[in-house]
Amino acid sequence: MLFSLIIPVYNRPDEVDELLQSLVQTDYKAAFEIVLVEDGSSIRCDDVVQKYTDRLSISYYFKENSGPGDSRNYGMRKAKGDYFIIFDSDCIIPKQYLSEVDKALANNYVDCFGGPDKALDSFSDIQKAINFAMTSFLATGGIRGGSEKIDKFQPRSFNMGISRKAFEASNGFGNIHPGEDPDLSIRLWNLGFETKLFPNAYVYHKRRIDWEKFSVQVNKFGKARPILNSWYPKYSKLTFFFPSVFILGFGLAVLLLVFTYDNLLKLYFIYFIIIFFTASFQNKSIKIGYLSVVAVWKQFYGYGTGFIASYGKVIILKQKPQEAFPELFFKI
């Protein structure tokens, strides 16, 4: 089985340099190819790619900007492999990654898999805090790859594998972003394909974003979920409402202080204390513990408010998603 690594990139040559350098270190002995798709970048990475052509089998393509989902599809159509592995450009790949994937597919083949993400010691404190917020069971319940106790795992496209057969049957990613990865997972389930978490196939996800960009990102995640629920009501879950309930509950807790009732606010305080100590212990840093509290709050607030806005427009008012939130859809 030939692996084709599909990497869309937009104005991130430095990230591509780090990613390709990590792939040079792989312990995987069989041949594999890299298909790098430049999605209309004004800052191209072709010079970076040229540095590695003598050590890696790389195909480089430049196309007009149409979003990460369509760029991944473009790369998979150009690829030669039997199985496609998709990375974001801000990932660093452990040397054993491909060997772990090969072993997992040999032991229990599946047409689509996803893997977790972790943080390197070299990451900034904010990157480590955001990684905690995005991956900890205390913040996301393990839905991004930290737990196998999920009835149907939805791979995330920063670290995802899909067979050529499944890609051709599903036509790959749609034009919603974010939300293109759960959309693809659900369509694959409806076509009879299975998805699975490969816990040992993790990547180091650098996420070069600041607090403002993180808030915008998670707000878009929140907006996308009711849209997906409207498309696929069978797969809607009560847990998707939790961040919104969390935010509304916090507002209620503050309001109740007027009536000298503080028990609800105390529960929120206890929760964030647990976040602080857990993140501090895991990262061996009180500062990262504090920043993780900030990251978790921004994640809940951004996602929760986005979900409420989208639920109101898409579910209650029955607006078309593309008209209600055009910023979530790329024109292909």
C-alpha atoms as a PDB file:
ATOM      1  CA  MET A   1       0.000   0.000   0.000  1.00  0.00           C
ATOM      2  CA  LEU A   2       1.417   3.344  -1.093  1.00  0.00           C
ATOM      3  CA  PHE A   3       0.779   6.289   1.197  1.00  0.00           C
ATOM      4  CA  SER A   4       0.241   9.726  -0.334  1.00  0.00           C
ATOM      5  CA  LEU A   5       0.618  12.563   2.149  1.00  0.00           C
ATOM      6  CA  ILE A   6      -1.681  15.451   1.191  1.00  0.00           C
ATOM      7  CA  ILE A   7      -0.711  18.873   2.526  1.00  0.00           C
ATOM      8  CA  PRO A   8      -2.623  22.055   1.628  1.00  0.00           C
ATOM      9  CA  VAL A   9      -0.811  25.294   2.442  1.00  0.00           C
ATOM     10  CA  TYR A  10      -1.656  28.989   2.384  1.00  0.00           C
ATOM     11  CA  ASN A  11       1.117  31.537   2.984  1.00  0.00           C
ATOM     12  CA  ARG A  12       3.046  29.289   5.391  1.00  0.00           C
ATOM     13  CA  PRO A  13       6.492  28.438   3.953  1.00  0.00           C
ATOM     14  CA  ASP A  14       8.101  28.300   7.422  1.00  0.00           C
ATOM     15  CA  GLU A  15       5.553  25.726   8.567  1.00  0.00           C
ATOM     16  CA  VAL A  16       6.140  23.618   5.461  1.00  0.00           C
ATOM     17  CA  ASP A  17       9.886  23.687   6.140  1.00  0.00           C
ATOM     18  CA  GLU A  18       9.368  22.281   9.656  1.00  0.00           C
ATOM     19  CA  LEU A  19       6.869  19.679   8.452  1.00  0.00           C
ATOM     20  CA  LEU A  20       9.089  18.400   5.636  1.00  0.00           C
ATOM     21  CA  GLN A  21      12.113  18.352   7.933  1.00  0.00           C
ATOM     22  CA  SER A  22      10.191  16.119  10.336  1.00  0.00           C
ATOM     23  CA  LEU A  23       9.259  13.758   7.487  1.00  0.00           C
ATOM     24  CA  VAL A  24      12.920  13.426   6.538  1.00  0.00           C
ATOM     25  CA  GLN A  25      13.432  11.831   9.974  1.00  0.00           C
ATOM     26  CA  THR A  26      10.791   9.098   9.477  1.00  0.00           C
ATOM     27  CA  ASP A  27      11.657   5.521  10.395  1.00  0.00           C
ATOM     28  CA  TYR A  28       9.173   4.202   7.806  1.00  0.00           C
ATOM     29  CA  LYS A  29      11.113   2.127   5.276  1.00  0.00           C
ATOM     30  CA  ALA A  30       8.598   1.766   2.433  1.00  0.00           C
ATOM     31  CA  ALA A  31       8.135   4.358  -0.298  1.00  0.00           C
ATOM     32  CA  PHE A  32       5.648   7.184   0.161  1.00  0.00           C
ATOM     33  CA  GLU A  33       4.899  10.401  -1.695  1.00  0.00           C
ATOM     34  CA  ILE A  34       4.087  13.940  -0.608  1.00  0.00           C
ATOM     35  CA  VAL A  35       1.562  16.012  -2.543  1.00  0.00           C
ATOM     36  CA  LEU A  36       1.779  19.665  -1.526  1.00  0.00           C
ATOM     37  CA  VAL A  37      -0.968  21.983  -2.783  1.00  0.00           C
ATOM     38  CA  GLU A  38      -0.380  25.739  -2.655  1.00  0.00           C
ATOM     39  CA  ASP A  39      -3.854  27.246  -2.271  1.00  0.00           C
ATOM     40  CA  GLY A  40      -3.382  30.570  -4.064  1.00  0.00           C
ATOM     41  CA  SER A  41      -0.693  31.793  -1.669  1.00  0.00           C
ATOM     42  CA  SER A  42       0.955  35.170  -2.136  1.00  0.00           C
ATOM     43  CA  ILE A  43       3.912  33.870  -0.099  1.00  0.00           C
ATOM     44  CA  ARG A  44       4.784  30.630  -1.850  1.00  0.00           C
ATOM     45  CA  CYS A  45       6.780  27.699  -0.534  1.00  0.00           C
ATOM     46  CA  ASP A  46       8.189  26.309  -3.783  1.00  0.00           C
ATOM     47  CA  ASP A  47      11.721  27.333  -2.754  1.00  0.00           C
ATOM     48  CA  VAL A  48      11.279  25.411   0.517  1.00  0.00           C
ATOM     49  CA  VAL A  49      10.039  22.343  -1.348  1.00  0.00           C
ATOM     50  CA  GLN A  50      13.094  22.479  -3.602  1.00  0.00           C
ATOM     51  CA  LYS A  51      15.333  21.980  -0.532  1.00  0.00           C
ATOM     52  CA  TYR A  52      13.876  18.508   0.041  1.00  0.00           C
ATOM     53  CA  THR A  53      13.436  17.064  -3.456  1.00  0.00           C
ATOM     54  CA  ASP A  54      16.620  15.010  -3.111  1.00  0.00           C
ATOM     55  CA  ARG A  55      15.411  13.434   0.148  1.00  0.00           C
ATOM     56  CA  LEU A  56      11.643  13.166  -0.284  1.00  0.00           C
ATOM     57  CA  SER A  57       9.332  12.298  -3.155  1.00  0.00           C
ATOM     58  CA  ILE A  58       7.374  15.567  -3.477  1.00  0.00           C
ATOM     59  CA  SER A  59       4.870  16.793  -6.031  1.00  0.00           C
ATOM     60  CA  TYR A  60       4.153  20.525  -5.803  1.00  0.00           C
ATOM     61  CA  TYR A  61       1.042  22.179  -7.247  1.00  0.00           C
ATOM     62  CA  PHE A  62      -0.106  25.786  -7.265  1.00  0.00           C
ATOM     63  CA  LYS A  63      -3.805  26.610  -7.766  1.00  0.00           C
ATOM     64  CA  GLU A  64      -6.226  29.470  -7.192  1.00  0.00           C
ATOM     65  CA  ASN A  65      -7.510  29.900  -3.648  1.00  0.00           C
ATOM     66  CA  SER A  66     -10.555  27.728  -2.974  1.00  0.00           C
ATOM     67  CA  GLY A  67     -10.092  26.701   0.658  1.00  0.00           C
ATOM     68  CA  PRO A  68      -8.433  23.773   2.446  1.00  0.00           C
ATOM     69  CA  GLY A  69     -11.143  21.211   1.693  1.00  0.00           C
ATOM     70  CA  ASP A  70     -11.037  21.702  -2.076  1.00  0.00           C
ATOM     71  CA  SER A  71      -7.232  21.835  -1.975  1.00  0.00           C
ATOM     72  CA  ARG A  72      -7.144  18.465  -0.212  1.00  0.00           C
ATOM     73  CA  ASN A  73      -9.471  17.061  -2.871  1.00  0.00           C
ATOM     74  CA  TYR A  74      -7.207  18.502  -5.568  1.00  0.00           C
ATOM     75  CA  GLY A  75      -4.197  16.829  -3.989  1.00  0.00           C
ATOM     76  CA  MET A  76      -5.947  13.472  -3.681  1.00  0.00           C
ATOM     77  CA  ARG A  77      -6.962  13.585  -7.346  1.00  0.00           C
ATOM     78  CA  LYS A  78      -3.305  14.196  -8.271  1.00  0.00           C
ATOM     79  CA  ALA A  79      -1.922  11.561  -5.881  1.00  0.00           C
ATOM     80  CA  LYS A  80      -0.735   8.116  -6.934  1.00  0.00           C
ATOM     81  CA  GLY A  81      -1.245   6.277  -3.660  1.00  0.00           C
ATOM     82  CA  ASP A  82      -3.795   3.743  -2.453  1.00  0.00           C
ATOM     83  CA  TYR A  83      -4.272   5.548   0.853  1.00  0.00           C
ATOM     84  CA  PHE A  84      -4.223   9.291   1.487  1.00  0.00           C
ATOM     85  CA  ILE A  85      -2.960  10.841   4.730  1.00  0.00           C
ATOM     86  CA  ILE A  86      -3.891  14.484   5.252  1.00  0.00           C
ATOM     87  CA  PHE A  87      -1.918  16.938   7.371  1.00  0.00           C
ATOM     88  CA  ASP A  88      -2.269  20.628   8.089  1.00  0.00           C
ATOM     89  CA  SER A  89       0.841  22.623   7.286  1.00  0.00           C
ATOM     90  CA  ASP A  90       1.301  23.540  10.970  1.00  0.00           C
ATOM     91  CA  CYS A  91       1.905  19.919  11.987  1.00  0.00           C
ATOM     92  CA  ILE A  92       5.214  18.303  12.899  1.00  0.00           C
ATOM     93  CA  ILE A  93       5.254  14.566  12.286  1.00  0.00           C
ATOM     94  CA  PRO A  94       6.889  12.127  14.755  1.00  0.00           C
ATOM     95  CA  LYS A  95       9.356   9.774  13.111  1.00  0.00           C
ATOM     96  CA  GLN A  96       7.279   6.685  13.959  1.00  0.00           C
ATOM     97  CA  TYR A  97       3.990   8.097  12.623  1.00  0.00           C
ATOM     98  CA  LEU A  98       3.838   6.259   9.277  1.00  0.00           C
ATOM     99  CA  SER A  99       5.015   3.013  10.859  1.00  0.00           C
ATOM    100  CA  GLU A 100       2.224   3.263  13.433  1.00  0.00           C
ATOM    101  CA  VAL A 101      -0.371   3.901  10.732  1.00  0.00           C
ATOM    102  CA  ASP A 102       0.924   1.001   8.648  1.00  0.00           C
ATOM    103  CA  LYS A 103       0.773  -1.311  11.663  1.00  0.00           C
ATOM    104  CA  ALA A 104      -2.735  -0.162  12.652  1.00  0.00           C
ATOM    105  CA  LEU A 105      -4.108  -0.647   9.135  1.00  0.00           C
ATOM    106  CA  ALA A 106      -2.527  -4.094   8.909  1.00  0.00           C
ATOM    107  CA  ASN A 107      -4.077  -5.159  12.229  1.00  0.00           C
ATOM    108  CA  ASN A 108      -7.531  -3.652  11.713  1.00  0.00           C
ATOM    109  CA  TYR A 109      -8.064  -2.052   8.317  1.00  0.00           C
ATOM    110  CA  VAL A 110     -10.431   0.879   8.105  1.00  0.00           C
ATOM    111  CA  ASP A 111     -11.162   3.215   5.187  1.00  0.00           C
ATOM    112  CA  CYS A 112     -10.861   6.364   7.269  1.00  0.00           C
ATOM    113  CA  PHE A 113      -8.926   7.073  10.453  1.00  0.00           C
ATOM    114  CA  GLY A 114      -7.965  10.021  12.593  1.00  0.00           C
ATOM    115  CA  GLY A 115      -5.213  10.587  15.110  1.00  0.00           C
ATOM    116  CA  PRO A 116      -4.690  12.841  18.141  1.00  0.00           C
ATOM    117  CA  ASP A 117      -2.481  15.884  18.453  1.00  0.00           C
ATOM    118  CA  LYS A 118       0.083  16.777  21.091  1.00  0.00           C
ATOM    119  CA  ALA A 119       2.387  19.668  21.969  1.00  0.00           C
ATOM    120  CA  LEU A 120       6.173  19.713  21.823  1.00  0.00           C
ATOM    121  CA  ASP A 121       8.276  21.207  24.597  1.00  0.00           C
ATOM    122  CA  SER A 122       9.466  23.817  22.100  1.00  0.00           C
ATOM    123  CA  PHE A 123       5.947  25.208  21.616  1.00  0.00           C
ATOM    124  CA  SER A 124       5.116  28.587  23.153  1.00  0.00           C
ATOM    125  CA  ASP A 125       3.172  28.744  26.425  1.00  0.00           C
ATOM    126  CA  ILE A 126       0.052  29.986  24.617  1.00  0.00           C
ATOM    127  CA  GLN A 127       0.320  27.163  22.071  1.00  0.00           C
ATOM    128  CA  LYS A 128       0.550  24.643  24.915  1.00  0.00           C
ATOM    129  CA  ALA A 129      -2.462  26.214  26.646  1.00  0.00           C
ATOM    130  CA  ILE A 130      -4.529  26.134  23.463  1.00  0.00           C
ATOM    131  CA  ASN A 131      -3.454  22.539  22.895  1.00  0.00           C
ATOM    132  CA  PHE A 132      -4.714  21.684  26.394  1.00  0.00           C
ATOM    133  CA  ALA A 133      -8.045  23.396  25.750  1.00  0.00           C
ATOM    134  CA  MET A 134      -8.491  21.636  22.407  1.00  0.00           C
ATOM    135  CA  THR A 135      -7.471  18.146  23.517  1.00  0.00           C
ATOM    136  CA  SER A 136      -8.176  17.704  27.230  1.00  0.00           C
ATOM    137  CA  PHE A 137     -11.094  15.528  28.269  1.00  0.00           C
ATOM    138  CA  LEU A 138     -11.941  18.247  30.813  1.00  0.00           C
ATOM    139  CA  ALA A 139     -12.545  20.758  28.016  1.00  0.00           C
ATOM    140  CA  THR A 140     -13.701  18.832  24.929  1.00  0.00           C
ATOM    141  CA  GLY A 141     -14.636  15.422  26.280  1.00  0.00           C
ATOM    142  CA  GLY A 142     -11.999  13.735  24.116  1.00  0.00           C
ATOM    143  CA  ILE A 143     -13.821  14.326  20.815  1.00  0.00           C
ATOM    144  CA  ARG A 144     -10.645  15.535  19.104  1.00  0.00           C
ATOM    145  CA  GLY A 145      -8.805  12.269  19.558  1.00  0.00           C
ATOM    146  CA  GLY A 146      -7.992  11.979  23.229  1.00  0.00           C
ATOM    147  CA  SER A 147     -10.440   9.168  23.914  1.00  0.00           C
ATOM    148  CA  GLU A 148     -11.625   6.021  22.176  1.00  0.00           C
ATOM    149  CA  LYS A 149     -14.863   5.995  24.180  1.00  0.00           C
ATOM    150  CA  ILE A 150     -16.759   7.508  21.278  1.00  0.00           C
ATOM    151  CA  ASP A 151     -19.447   5.558  19.428  1.00  0.00           C
ATOM    152  CA  LYS A 152     -18.409   6.991  16.058  1.00  0.00           C
ATOM    153  CA  PHE A 153     -15.102   8.826  15.908  1.00  0.00           C
ATOM    154  CA  GLN A 154     -14.990  11.843  13.605  1.00  0.00           C
ATOM    155  CA  PRO A 155     -11.417  12.309  12.320  1.00  0.00           C
ATOM    156  CA  ARG A 156     -10.090  15.864  12.098  1.00  0.00           C
ATOM    157  CA  SER A 157      -8.413  16.885   8.875  1.00  0.00           C
ATOM    158  CA  PHE A 158      -5.159  18.102  10.472  1.00  0.00           C
ATOM    159  CA  ASN A 159      -4.376  14.373  10.979  1.00  0.00           C
ATOM    160  CA  MET A 160      -6.606  12.122   8.917  1.00  0.00           C
ATOM    161  CA  GLY A 161      -6.351   9.144   6.598  1.00  0.00           C
ATOM    162  CA  ILE A 162      -8.787   8.078   3.896  1.00  0.00           C
ATOM    163  CA  SER A 163      -8.565   5.295   1.316  1.00  0.00           C
ATOM    164  CA  ARG A 164      -8.758   6.063  -2.386  1.00  0.00           C
ATOM    165  CA  LYS A 165     -11.925   3.964  -2.522  1.00  0.00           C
ATOM    166  CA  ALA A 166     -13.625   6.042   0.185  1.00  0.00           C
ATOM    167  CA  PHE A 167     -12.485   9.311  -1.388  1.00  0.00           C
ATOM    168  CA  GLU A 168     -13.830   8.381  -4.806  1.00  0.00           C
ATOM    169  CA  ALA A 169     -17.141   7.182  -3.344  1.00  0.00           C
ATOM    170  CA  SER A 170     -17.656  10.341  -1.260  1.00  0.00           C
ATOM    171  CA  ASN A 171     -16.052  12.929  -3.585  1.00  0.00           C
ATOM    172  CA  GLY A 172     -14.032  14.104  -0.599  1.00  0.00           C
ATOM    173  CA  PHE A 173     -14.503  17.314   1.336  1.00  0.00           C
ATOM    174  CA  GLY A 174     -17.334  19.782   0.869  1.00  0.00           C
ATOM    175  CA  ASN A 175     -16.986  23.569   0.736  1.00  0.00           C
ATOM    176  CA  ILE A 176     -17.941  24.345   4.357  1.00  0.00           C
ATOM    177  CA  HIS A 177     -15.022  25.451   6.551  1.00  0.00           C
ATOM    178  CA  PRO A 178     -14.660  24.717   9.363  1.00  0.00           C
ATOM    179  CA  GLY A 179     -16.829  21.639   9.626  1.00  0.00           C
ATOM    180  CA  GLU A 180     -15.649  19.932   6.453  1.00  0.00           C
ATOM    181  CA  ASP A 181     -14.120  17.010   8.364  1.00  0.00           C
ATOM    182  CA  PRO A 182     -17.221  15.912  10.382  1.00  0.00           C
ATOM    183  CA  ASP A 183     -19.281  16.491   7.234  1.00  0.00           C
ATOM    184  CA  LEU A 184     -17.062  14.040   5.357  1.00  0.00           C
ATOM    185  CA  SER A 185     -17.102  11.525   8.232  1.00  0.00           C
ATOM    186  CA  ILE A 186     -20.895  11.455   8.327  1.00  0.00           C
ATOM    187  CA  ARG A 187     -21.174  11.063   4.561  1.00  0.00           C
ATOM    188  CA  LEU A 188     -18.710   8.167   4.746  1.00  0.00           C
ATOM    189  CA  TRP A 189     -20.829   6.495   7.451  1.00  0.00           C
ATOM    190  CA  ASN A 190     -23.912   6.901   5.275  1.00  0.00           C
ATOM    191  CA  LEU A 191     -22.026   5.203   2.434  1.00  0.00           C
ATOM    192  CA  GLY A 192     -21.186   2.238   4.667  1.00  0.00           C
ATOM    193  CA  PHE A 193     -17.568   3.106   5.474  1.00  0.00           C
ATOM    194  CA  GLU A 194     -16.171   3.020   9.001  1.00  0.00           C
ATOM    195  CA  THR A 195     -13.953   5.499  10.827  1.00  0.00           C
ATOM    196  CA  LYS A 196     -11.582   4.806  13.677  1.00  0.00           C
ATOM    197  CA  LEU A 197      -9.202   6.528  16.041  1.00  0.00           C
ATOM    198  CA  PHE A 198      -5.554   5.440  15.808  1.00  0.00           C
ATOM    199  CA  PRO A 199      -4.314   6.696  19.216  1.00  0.00           C
ATOM    200  CA  ASN A 200      -0.634   6.063  18.458  1.00  0.00           C
ATOM    201  CA  ALA A 201      -0.747   8.011  15.186  1.00  0.00           C
ATOM    202  CA  TYR A 202      -0.418  11.433  16.777  1.00  0.00           C
ATOM    203  CA  VAL A 203       1.105  14.603  15.384  1.00  0.00           C
ATOM    204  CA  TYR A 204       2.493  17.710  17.035  1.00  0.00           C
ATOM    205  CA  HIS A 205       0.022  20.443  16.087  1.00  0.00           C
ATOM    206  CA  LYS A 206       1.717  23.813  16.385  1.00  0.00           C
ATOM    207  CA  ARG A 207      -1.360  26.038  15.794  1.00  0.00           C
ATOM    208  CA  ARG A 208       0.323  29.347  15.036  1.00  0.00           C
ATOM    209  CA  ILE A 209      -2.527  31.468  16.329  1.00  0.00           C
ATOM    210  CA  ASP A 210      -2.921  34.169  18.953  1.00  0.00           C
ATOM    211  CA  TRP A 211      -5.833  34.708  21.334  1.00  0.00           C
ATOM    212  CA  GLU A 212      -7.837  36.753  18.831  1.00  0.00           C
ATOM    213  CA  LYS A 213      -7.430  34.199  16.044  1.00  0.00           C
ATOM    214  CA  PHE A 214      -8.263  31.381  18.451  1.00  0.00           C
ATOM    215  CA  SER A 215     -11.488  33.119  19.491  1.00  0.00           C
ATOM    216  CA  VAL A 216     -12.498  33.593  15.851  1.00  0.00           C
ATOM    217  CA  GLN A 217     -11.658  29.975  15.063  1.00  0.00           C
ATOM    218  CA  VAL A 218     -13.709  28.410  17.863  1.00  0.00           C
ATOM    219  CA  ASN A 219     -16.595  30.798  17.133  1.00  0.00           C
ATOM    220  CA  LYS A 220     -16.679  29.423  13.595  1.00  0.00           C
ATOM    221  CA  PHE A 221     -16.616  25.876  14.996  1.00  0.00           C
ATOM    222  CA  GLY A 222     -19.700  26.772  17.013  1.00  0.00           C
ATOM    223  CA  LYS A 223     -21.475  28.237  13.984  1.00  0.00           C
ATOM    224  CA  ALA A 224     -20.728  25.152  11.888  1.00  0.00           C
ATOM    225  CA  ARG A 225     -22.219  22.595  14.273  1.00  0.00           C
ATOM    226  CA  PRO A 226     -25.941  23.558  13.977  1.00  0.00           C
ATOM    227  CA  ILE A 227     -25.473  23.606  10.199  1.00  0.00           C
ATOM    228  CA  LEU A 228     -24.191  20.031  10.327  1.00  0.00           C
ATOM    229  CA  ASN A 229     -27.049  19.116  12.683  1.00  0.00           C
ATOM    230  CA  SER A 230     -29.542  20.498  10.164  1.00  0.00           C
ATOM    231  CA  TRP A 231     -27.965  18.432   7.398  1.00  0.00           C
ATOM    232  CA  TYR A 232     -27.595  15.271   9.465  1.00  0.00           C
ATOM    233  CA  PRO A 233     -30.139  15.361  12.350  1.00  0.00           C
ATOM    234  CA  LYS A 234     -29.536  11.671  13.014  1.00  0.00           C
ATOM    235  CA  TYR A 235     -26.067  12.501  14.338  1.00  0.00           C
ATOM    236  CA  SER A 236     -27.012  15.495  16.473  1.00  0.00           C
ATOM    237  CA  LYS A 237     -26.101  15.061  20.153  1.00  0.00           C
ATOM    238  CA  LEU A 238     -27.012  16.859  23.341  1.00  0.00           C
ATOM    239  CA  THR A 239     -23.301  17.248  24.116  1.00  0.00           C
ATOM    240  CA  PHE A 240     -23.014  19.696  21.213  1.00  0.00           C
ATOM    241  CA  PHE A 241     -25.134  22.119  23.251  1.00  0.00           C
ATOM    242  CA  PHE A 242     -22.852  21.989  26.289  1.00  0.00           C
ATOM    243  CA  PRO A 243     -20.646  25.043  25.569  1.00  0.00           C
ATOM    244  CA  SER A 244     -23.736  27.195  25.034  1.00  0.00           C
ATOM    245  CA  VAL A 245     -25.332  25.897  28.239  1.00  0.00           C
ATOM    246  CA  PHE A 246     -22.014  26.532  30.004  1.00  0.00           C
ATOM    247  CA  ILE A 247     -21.965  30.187  28.922  1.00  0.00           C
ATOM    248  CA  LEU A 248     -25.643  30.790  29.675  1.00  0.00           C
ATOM    249  CA  GLY A 249     -25.188  29.097  33.051  1.00  0.00           C
ATOM    250  CA  PHE A 250     -22.283  31.380  33.874  1.00  0.00           C
ATOM    251  CA  GLY A 251     -24.410  34.414  33.067  1.00  0.00           C
ATOM    252  CA  LEU A 252     -27.132  33.050  35.321  1.00  0.00           C
ATOM    253  CA  ALA A 253     -24.600  32.422  38.088  1.00  0.00           C
ATOM    254  CA  VAL A 254     -23.477  36.067  37.973  1.00  0.00           C
ATOM    255  CA  LEU A 255     -27.104  37.255  37.926  1.00  0.00           C
ATOM    256  CA  LEU A 256     -27.942  35.154  40.987  1.00  0.00           C
ATOM    257  CA  LEU A 257     -25.338  37.062  42.966  1.00  0.00           C
ATOM    258  CA  VAL A 258     -27.873  39.891  43.084  1.00  0.00           C
ATOM    259  CA  PHE A 259     -30.008  37.591  45.209  1.00  0.00           C
ATOM    260  CA  THR A 260     -26.943  36.577  47.294  1.00  0.00           C
ATOM    261  CA  TYR A 261     -26.998  33.057  45.828  1.00  0.00           C
ATOM    262  CA  ASP A 262     -23.445  32.064  44.962  1.00  0.00           C
ATOM    263  CA  ASN A 263     -23.483  28.244  44.890  1.00  0.00           C
ATOM    264  CA  LEU A 264     -23.684  28.063  41.093  1.00  0.00           C
ATOM    265  CA  LEU A 265     -20.774  30.463  40.672  1.00  0.00           C
ATOM    266  CA  LYS A 266     -18.786  28.385  43.149  1.00  0.00           C
ATOM    267  CA  LEU A 267     -19.216  25.355  40.850  1.00  0.00           C
ATOM    268  CA  TYR A 268     -17.688  27.334  37.983  1.00  0.00           C
ATOM    269  CA  PHE A 269     -14.850  28.397  40.276  1.00  0.00           C
ATOM    270  CA  ILE A 270     -14.173  24.778  41.245  1.00  0.00           C
ATOM    271  CA  TYR A 271     -14.194  23.725  37.576  1.00  0.00           C
ATOM    272  CA  PHE A 272     -11.614  26.344  36.599  1.00  0.00           C
ATOM    273  CA  ILE A 273      -9.480  25.474  39.620  1.00  0.00           C
ATOM    274  CA  ILE A 274      -9.441  21.870  38.364  1.00  0.00           C
ATOM    275  CA  ILE A 275      -8.459  23.122  34.888  1.00  0.00           C
ATOM    276  CA  PHE A 276      -5.667  25.222  36.408  1.00  0.00           C
ATOM    277  CA  PHE A 277      -4.132  22.440  38.479  1.00  0.00           C
ATOM    278  CA  THR A 278      -4.524  19.771  35.787  1.00  0.00           C
ATOM    279  CA  ALA A 279      -2.912  21.918  33.091  1.00  0.00           C
ATOM    280  CA  SER A 280      -0.179  23.078  35.505  1.00  0.00           C
ATOM    281  CA  PHE A 281       0.637  19.475  36.421  1.00  0.00           C
ATOM    282  CA  GLN A 282       0.587  18.181  32.848  1.00  0.00           C
ATOM    283  CA  ASN A 283       2.804  20.992  31.579  1.00  0.00           C
ATOM    284  CA  LYS A 284       4.852  21.425  34.775  1.00  0.00           C
ATOM    285  CA  SER A 285       4.124  25.150  34.658  1.00  0.00           C
ATOM    286  CA  ILE A 286       1.837  27.375  36.737  1.00  0.00           C
ATOM    287  CA  LYS A 287       1.895  29.948  33.943  1.00  0.00           C
ATOM    288  CA  ILE A 288       0.563  27.428  31.418  1.00  0.00           C
ATOM    289  CA  GLY A 289      -2.049  26.410  33.985  1.00  0.00           C
ATOM    290  CA  TYR A 290      -3.271  30.015  34.127  1.00  0.00           C
ATOM    291  CA  LEU A 291      -3.152  30.384  30.326  1.00  0.00           C
ATOM    292  CA  SER A 292      -5.109  27.132  29.983  1.00  0.00           C
ATOM    293  CA  VAL A 293      -7.909  28.629  32.082  1.00  0.00           C
ATOM    294  CA  VAL A 294      -7.970  31.572  29.657  1.00  0.00           C
ATOM    295  CA  ALA A 295      -7.941  29.212  26.656  1.00  0.00           C
ATOM    296  CA  VAL A 296     -10.766  27.050  28.006  1.00  0.00           C
ATOM    297  CA  TRP A 297     -12.899  30.108  28.738  1.00  0.00           C
ATOM    298  CA  LYS A 298     -12.274  31.541  25.248  1.00  0.00           C
ATOM    299  CA  GLN A 299     -13.087  28.147  23.746  1.00  0.00           C
ATOM    300  CA  PHE A 300     -16.394  27.829  25.593  1.00  0.00           C
ATOM    301  CA  TYR A 301     -17.365  31.456  25.019  1.00  0.00           C
ATOM    302  CA  GLY A 302     -16.419  31.491  21.328  1.00  0.00           C
ATOM    303  CA  TYR A 303     -17.983  28.140  20.499  1.00  0.00           C
ATOM    304  CA  GLY A 304     -21.031  28.704  22.700  1.00  0.00           C
ATOM    305  CA  THR A 305     -21.937  32.112  21.297  1.00  0.00           C
ATOM    306  CA  GLY A 306     -21.312  30.907  17.732  1.00  0.00           C
ATOM    307  CA  PHE A 307     -23.553  27.887  18.318  1.00  0.00           C
ATOM    308  CA  ILE A 308     -26.362  30.063  19.726  1.00  0.00           C
ATOM    309  CA  ALA A 309     -26.199  32.469  16.772  1.00  0.00           C
ATOM    310  CA  SER A 310     -26.202  29.636  14.249  1.00  0.00           C
ATOM    311  CA  TYR A 311     -28.916  27.658  16.040  1.00  0.00           C
ATOM    312  CA  GLY A 312     -31.172  30.693  15.999  1.00  0.00           C
ATOM    313  CA  LYS A 313     -30.688  31.439  12.313  1.00  0.00           C
ATOM    314  CA  VAL A 314     -30.426  27.921  10.856  1.00  0.00           C
ATOM    315  CA  ILE A 315     -32.579  25.766  13.137  1.00  0.00           C
ATOM    316  CA  ILE A 316     -35.204  28.198  14.436  1.00  0.00           C
ATOM    317  CA  LEU A 317     -35.504  30.723  11.597  1.00  0.00           C
ATOM    318  CA  LYS A 318     -34.742  28.120   8.899  1.00  0.00           C
ATOM    319  CA  GLN A 319     -32.317  30.361   7.037  1.00  0.00           C
ATOM    320  CA  LYS A 320     -30.087  28.784   4.411  1.00  0.00           C
ATOM    321  CA  PRO A 321     -26.625  28.269   5.940  1.00  0.00           C
ATOM    322  CA  GLN A 322     -24.843  29.775   2.937  1.00  0.00           C
ATOM    323  CA  GLU A 323     -26.908  32.957   3.298  1.00  0.00           C
ATOM    324  CA  ALA A 324     -26.814  33.109   7.103  1.00  0.00           C
ATOM    325  CA  PHE A 325     -23.034  32.555   7.339  1.00  0.00           C
ATOM    326  CA  PRO A 326     -21.368  33.077   3.960  1.00  0.00           C
ATOM    327  CA  GLU A 327     -17.970  33.323   5.690  1.00  0.00           C
ATOM    328  CA  LEU A 328     -18.163  29.565   6.379  1.00  0.00           C
ATOM    329  CA  PHE A 329     -18.393  28.571   2.729  1.00  0.00           C
ATOM    330  CA  PHE A 330     -15.741  28.680   0.009  1.00  0.00           C
ATOM    331  CA  LYS A 331     -16.769  29.130  -3.590  1.00  0.00           C
ATOM    332  CA  ILE A 332     -15.511  26.171  -5.617  1.00  0.00           C
END
